[in-house]
Every structure is written in C-alpha cells, then in structure tokens.
Protein backbone atom coordinates (compact mmCIF):
# COMPACT_ATOMS: atom_id res chain seq x y z
CA MET A 1 16.32 23.18 -11.71
CA PRO A 2 12.69 23.91 -12.88
CA THR A 3 9.99 22.44 -10.76
CA ARG A 4 6.33 21.73 -11.61
CA HIS A 5 3.84 21.21 -8.79
CA ALA A 6 0.74 19.05 -9.54
CA ARG A 7 -2.33 19.23 -7.37
CA LEU A 8 -4.02 15.80 -6.95
CA PRO A 9 -7.28 14.71 -4.92
CA ARG A 10 -6.21 14.10 -1.33
CA PHE A 11 -6.98 10.54 0.15
CA ALA A 12 -9.25 10.97 3.15
CA LEU A 13 -6.97 9.44 5.59
CA ALA A 14 -3.87 11.52 4.52
CA ALA A 15 -3.09 14.66 6.48
CA ALA A 16 -0.94 15.99 3.49
CA LEU A 17 0.61 14.95 0.29
CA ALA A 18 3.78 16.55 -1.11
CA ILE A 19 3.77 16.18 -4.88
CA THR A 20 6.83 17.29 -7.07
CA ALA A 21 7.50 16.80 -10.79
CA THR A 22 11.12 17.49 -11.86
CA THR A 23 13.65 16.36 -14.28
CA ALA A 24 15.34 14.36 -11.44
CA ILE A 25 14.13 12.79 -8.38
CA ALA A 26 13.54 15.34 -5.81
CA PRO A 27 14.91 15.45 -2.30
CA ALA A 28 12.74 13.76 0.17
CA ARG A 29 10.45 16.19 1.99
CA ALA A 30 7.93 14.57 4.53
CA SER A 31 4.31 14.65 4.31
CA LEU A 32 2.13 14.18 7.39
CA ILE A 33 -0.09 11.23 7.02
CA VAL A 34 -2.45 10.00 9.72
CA ALA A 35 -1.14 6.71 11.31
CA LEU A 36 -3.41 3.78 10.95
CA ASP A 37 -3.71 0.60 13.04
CA THR A 38 -4.66 -2.76 11.88
CA PRO A 39 -8.43 -2.44 12.61
CA ALA A 40 -8.71 0.79 10.63
CA MET A 41 -6.77 -0.80 7.84
CA VAL A 42 -9.03 -3.78 7.78
CA ALA A 43 -12.16 -1.53 8.13
CA GLY A 44 -10.98 0.66 5.17
CA ALA A 45 -10.10 -2.15 2.72
CA ASP A 46 -12.29 -3.73 0.06
CA THR A 47 -9.58 -6.23 -0.73
CA ILE A 48 -6.89 -7.69 1.49
CA ALA A 49 -4.44 -10.15 -0.24
CA VAL A 50 -1.01 -11.60 -0.71
CA VAL A 51 0.04 -10.70 -4.15
CA ASP A 52 2.84 -11.01 -6.62
CA VAL A 53 3.66 -7.84 -8.53
CA GLU A 54 3.65 -8.75 -12.24
CA SER A 55 4.27 -5.25 -13.74
CA VAL A 56 4.79 -1.64 -13.08
CA ARG A 57 4.35 0.97 -15.74
CA ALA A 58 4.20 4.72 -15.65
CA ALA A 59 2.54 7.10 -18.20
CA TRP A 60 1.17 10.51 -18.78
CA ASP A 61 -2.62 10.93 -18.10
CA ALA A 62 -4.89 11.77 -21.15
CA ARG A 63 -4.13 15.57 -20.67
CA HIS A 64 -0.47 15.30 -20.21
CA GLU A 65 -0.57 16.84 -16.71
CA ARG A 66 0.26 14.06 -14.46
CA ILE A 67 2.08 10.92 -14.49
CA VAL A 68 0.04 7.85 -13.20
CA THR A 69 1.69 4.43 -12.35
CA THR A 70 -0.27 1.37 -13.02
CA VAL A 71 0.72 -1.73 -11.05
CA GLU A 72 -0.52 -5.24 -12.09
CA LEU A 73 -0.77 -7.73 -9.18
CA ILE A 74 -1.66 -11.58 -9.11
CA VAL A 75 -3.48 -12.61 -6.07
CA VAL A 76 -1.82 -15.44 -4.25
CA GLU A 77 -3.92 -15.51 -1.23
CA SER A 78 -7.28 -13.63 -0.68
CA TRP A 79 -8.22 -12.66 2.92
CA LYS A 80 -10.87 -10.17 2.27
CA GLY A 81 -12.95 -9.25 -0.94
CA ALA A 82 -13.78 -10.96 -4.02
CA ALA A 83 -10.54 -11.45 -5.83
CA ALA A 84 -9.76 -15.20 -5.84
CA PRO A 85 -6.21 -16.70 -6.00
CA ALA A 86 -4.82 -16.12 -9.43
CA ALA A 87 -7.03 -13.19 -10.20
CA ARG A 88 -5.46 -10.07 -11.54
CA VAL A 89 -5.74 -6.93 -9.57
CA VAL A 90 -4.76 -3.48 -10.95
CA VAL A 91 -3.59 -0.57 -8.80
CA ALA A 92 -3.58 2.98 -10.17
CA GLN A 93 -1.73 5.61 -8.23
CA PRO A 94 -0.17 9.19 -8.94
CA GLY A 95 3.62 9.52 -9.37
CA GLY A 96 6.21 7.67 -11.32
CA THR A 97 8.80 8.21 -13.99
CA VAL A 98 8.40 8.86 -17.74
CA ASP A 99 11.55 9.47 -19.82
CA ASP A 100 13.39 12.12 -17.58
CA ILE A 101 10.52 13.44 -15.75
CA THR A 102 9.78 12.16 -12.29
CA MET A 103 6.56 12.89 -10.27
CA THR A 104 7.23 12.06 -6.63
CA VAL A 105 4.27 11.52 -4.18
CA PHE A 106 5.72 11.41 -0.86
CA GLY A 107 4.00 8.57 1.43
CA MET A 108 2.85 6.66 -1.79
CA PRO A 109 3.98 2.90 -1.69
CA ARG A 110 6.52 1.83 -4.22
CA PHE A 111 6.08 -1.66 -6.08
CA SER A 112 8.65 -3.60 -7.84
CA PRO A 113 8.05 -6.38 -10.55
CA GLY A 114 8.59 -9.74 -8.99
CA GLU A 115 8.19 -8.89 -5.46
CA ARG A 116 5.60 -10.45 -3.13
CA ALA A 117 3.65 -8.29 -0.83
CA LEU A 118 0.53 -7.99 1.42
CA VAL A 119 -1.76 -5.20 0.30
CA PHE A 120 -4.81 -3.48 1.65
CA LEU A 121 -6.87 -1.99 -1.37
CA HIS A 122 -10.05 0.13 -1.75
CA GLY A 123 -12.21 0.40 -4.73
CA PRO A 124 -12.69 -1.94 -7.65
CA THR A 125 -10.08 -4.39 -8.56
CA GLU A 126 -9.61 -2.99 -12.04
CA ARG A 127 -8.36 0.34 -10.65
CA ALA A 128 -7.72 0.02 -6.99
CA GLY A 129 -6.21 2.42 -4.54
CA VAL A 130 -3.87 1.51 -1.39
CA VAL A 131 -5.33 2.03 1.89
CA GLY A 132 -3.53 4.48 4.14
CA LEU A 133 -1.07 5.12 1.22
CA ALA A 134 2.34 3.50 2.22
CA GLN A 135 0.66 1.90 5.14
CA GLY A 136 -1.30 -0.60 2.91
CA LYS A 137 1.65 -2.37 1.44
CA ARG A 138 3.95 -4.61 3.25
CA THR A 139 6.75 -6.44 1.54
CA MET A 140 7.19 -10.08 2.03
CA ARG A 141 10.44 -12.03 2.07
CA PRO A 142 11.37 -15.72 2.73
CA ASP A 143 12.56 -16.24 6.21
CA PRO A 144 16.22 -17.07 6.08
CA VAL A 145 16.20 -19.18 9.16
CA ALA A 146 12.87 -21.08 9.44
CA ALA A 147 10.97 -23.22 6.82
CA GLY A 148 7.41 -24.51 7.25
CA ALA A 149 6.30 -28.12 6.21
CA ALA A 150 5.82 -26.89 2.67
CA GLY A 151 9.38 -25.60 2.46
CA ARG A 152 9.52 -21.87 2.22
CA ARG A 153 8.24 -19.71 5.11
CA TRP A 154 7.42 -15.97 4.66
CA LEU A 155 7.98 -12.92 6.79
CA ILE A 156 5.81 -9.75 6.55
CA ALA A 157 7.74 -6.54 6.94
CA PRO A 158 6.28 -3.27 8.35
CA PRO A 159 5.31 -0.63 5.72
CA GLN A 160 7.88 1.60 4.43
CA ARG A 161 7.42 5.26 5.08
CA ALA A 162 8.13 6.38 1.71
CA GLY A 163 9.46 9.85 2.64
CA ALA A 164 6.31 10.60 4.77
CA ALA A 165 5.86 11.29 8.62
CA PHE A 166 3.12 9.37 10.08
CA VAL A 167 1.40 11.08 13.11
CA ARG A 168 -1.10 9.70 15.59
CA THR A 169 -4.25 11.69 16.29
CA ALA A 170 -5.84 12.47 19.84
CA THR A 171 -8.33 9.57 19.23
CA SER A 172 -5.75 7.09 18.10
CA GLY A 173 -5.82 5.39 21.52
CA PRO A 174 -3.22 2.82 22.77
CA ARG A 175 -3.28 0.61 19.52
CA VAL A 176 0.02 0.26 17.63
CA PRO A 177 0.23 1.89 14.18
CA VAL A 178 1.02 -0.57 11.40
CA PHE A 179 4.29 1.24 10.62
CA ASP A 180 5.54 0.42 14.31
CA VAL A 181 5.26 -3.45 13.93
CA VAL A 182 8.05 -5.72 13.38
CA ALA A 183 8.51 -8.21 10.63
CA ARG A 184 6.27 -11.30 11.43
CA PRO A 185 5.56 -14.60 9.94
CA LEU A 186 2.73 -14.79 7.33
CA ASP A 187 0.83 -17.28 9.39
CA GLU A 188 0.69 -14.88 12.44
CA VAL A 189 -0.24 -11.98 10.35
CA ARG A 190 -2.95 -14.06 8.35
CA ALA A 191 -4.46 -15.14 11.66
CA GLU A 192 -4.56 -11.55 13.05
CA ILE A 193 -6.07 -10.11 10.08
CA ARG A 194 -8.78 -12.59 9.72
CA ALA A 195 -9.63 -12.35 13.26
CA GLU A 196 -9.99 -8.63 12.68
CA ILE A 197 -12.10 -9.01 9.53
CA ARG A 198 -14.51 -11.28 11.61
CA ALA A 199 -14.62 -8.80 14.29
CA HIS A 200 -15.38 -5.96 12.02
CA ALA A 201 -18.08 -8.05 10.29
CA ALA A 202 -19.64 -8.91 13.69
CA GLN A 203 -19.94 -5.21 14.57
CA GLY A 204 -21.88 -4.37 11.45
CA GLY A 205 -18.99 -3.59 9.12
CA VAL A 206 -20.22 -2.97 5.60
CA ARG A 207 -17.14 -3.99 3.86
C-alpha cells in the first residue's frame, strides 16, 4: 500500500512525531514524547478548561499537502486563561481523515463530538494547540457510583497514549507524569490544578 510521509513542525516538548498518510489507518508505531507532570502542564498552558466537544472536522490545507483537524470546544469551566464559560475555543492539529485518506500523528489527542474533557491548551483560543500532545487532553465521564449535591459527579481519566511512548528525562525528578495518574473526581483535580496555578503565579510565571 503506498504511503506518503509528511513533515510537520515538532512541538517543543515532543521528542519525536511519527506521521503517516495512507489510504487506510496505519498500524501503530510509537513516537517518543517527553513525559510531563502537572506543574509542567500548568506552566505550559495559556488555557486550562473543562470543555464539551461540539464538532470535529478534517480538511486538506490550502496546498493540499497535509490534513488538519479542527476541533470546536465549548467552555464549561475555565481554570486558567481568558476563555469564560460558554466561550468557544478552536483547536487545530495535524492529522485526520478526508475521504479515504488518513494522516495519523502518533501521540496526538483524539476528540469526539459530544464528549467532555479537561484540556490544557497553548496559543490563542481561535487556533489553539494541546500542551504535551495527548497529555493535554483528559476525557471525563460520570461517576457510576457517587453523585454530588447537584446530581452528577464527574471523573477525570488519565490521558490516552494515542500510540506514543512517553519517556522521562534525567531532570524529571520524582514527580508523577500525568499519564500515570488514575481516574480522579473533578473536585480533586480542580483543587490541585488551581493550587498549581497559584504556585506558578507566585513564582513569577508569565502565563
């Protein structure tokens, strides 16, 4: 089966990206991506929010060389950044399927219309990217056992690996990478992230 390889700018925190465009979905081949912990995710994000995925669409770029997927998000809760609840945020990322052509970017998060997620985004809200690739999107689901005073209680899952291998560097230290965490209640994650945002600001963080 013919395969075309596309070359894309590498996100600063990724050790490698494997990108393949084929007439069918290619077999998974791991990319090596630097594993991030929560402080690194917070420091790298301009926007941290709970969002609902409104739409996902893929299209060729203007030169018909690459497929780009555009994801429209509606903010439910804003934890960092200027995007208020009910605001629209647009994520653009390489990869996707148009007709019978699929471009796969290993390590890139996958979004599905109708799902709720916690996202860490960098860049302007009209064309944002995801911090740490797959590490910056965590799917949420209702807790099947517990319910809060308002009814539904949400759990936040760890990030999916999306075909990538996450590696720790010599300077990673003892902190736990975000992909190693377990599913946790929304209230706990919200408190942790907001505390980290305050700590980052107190240390002179510019974001």
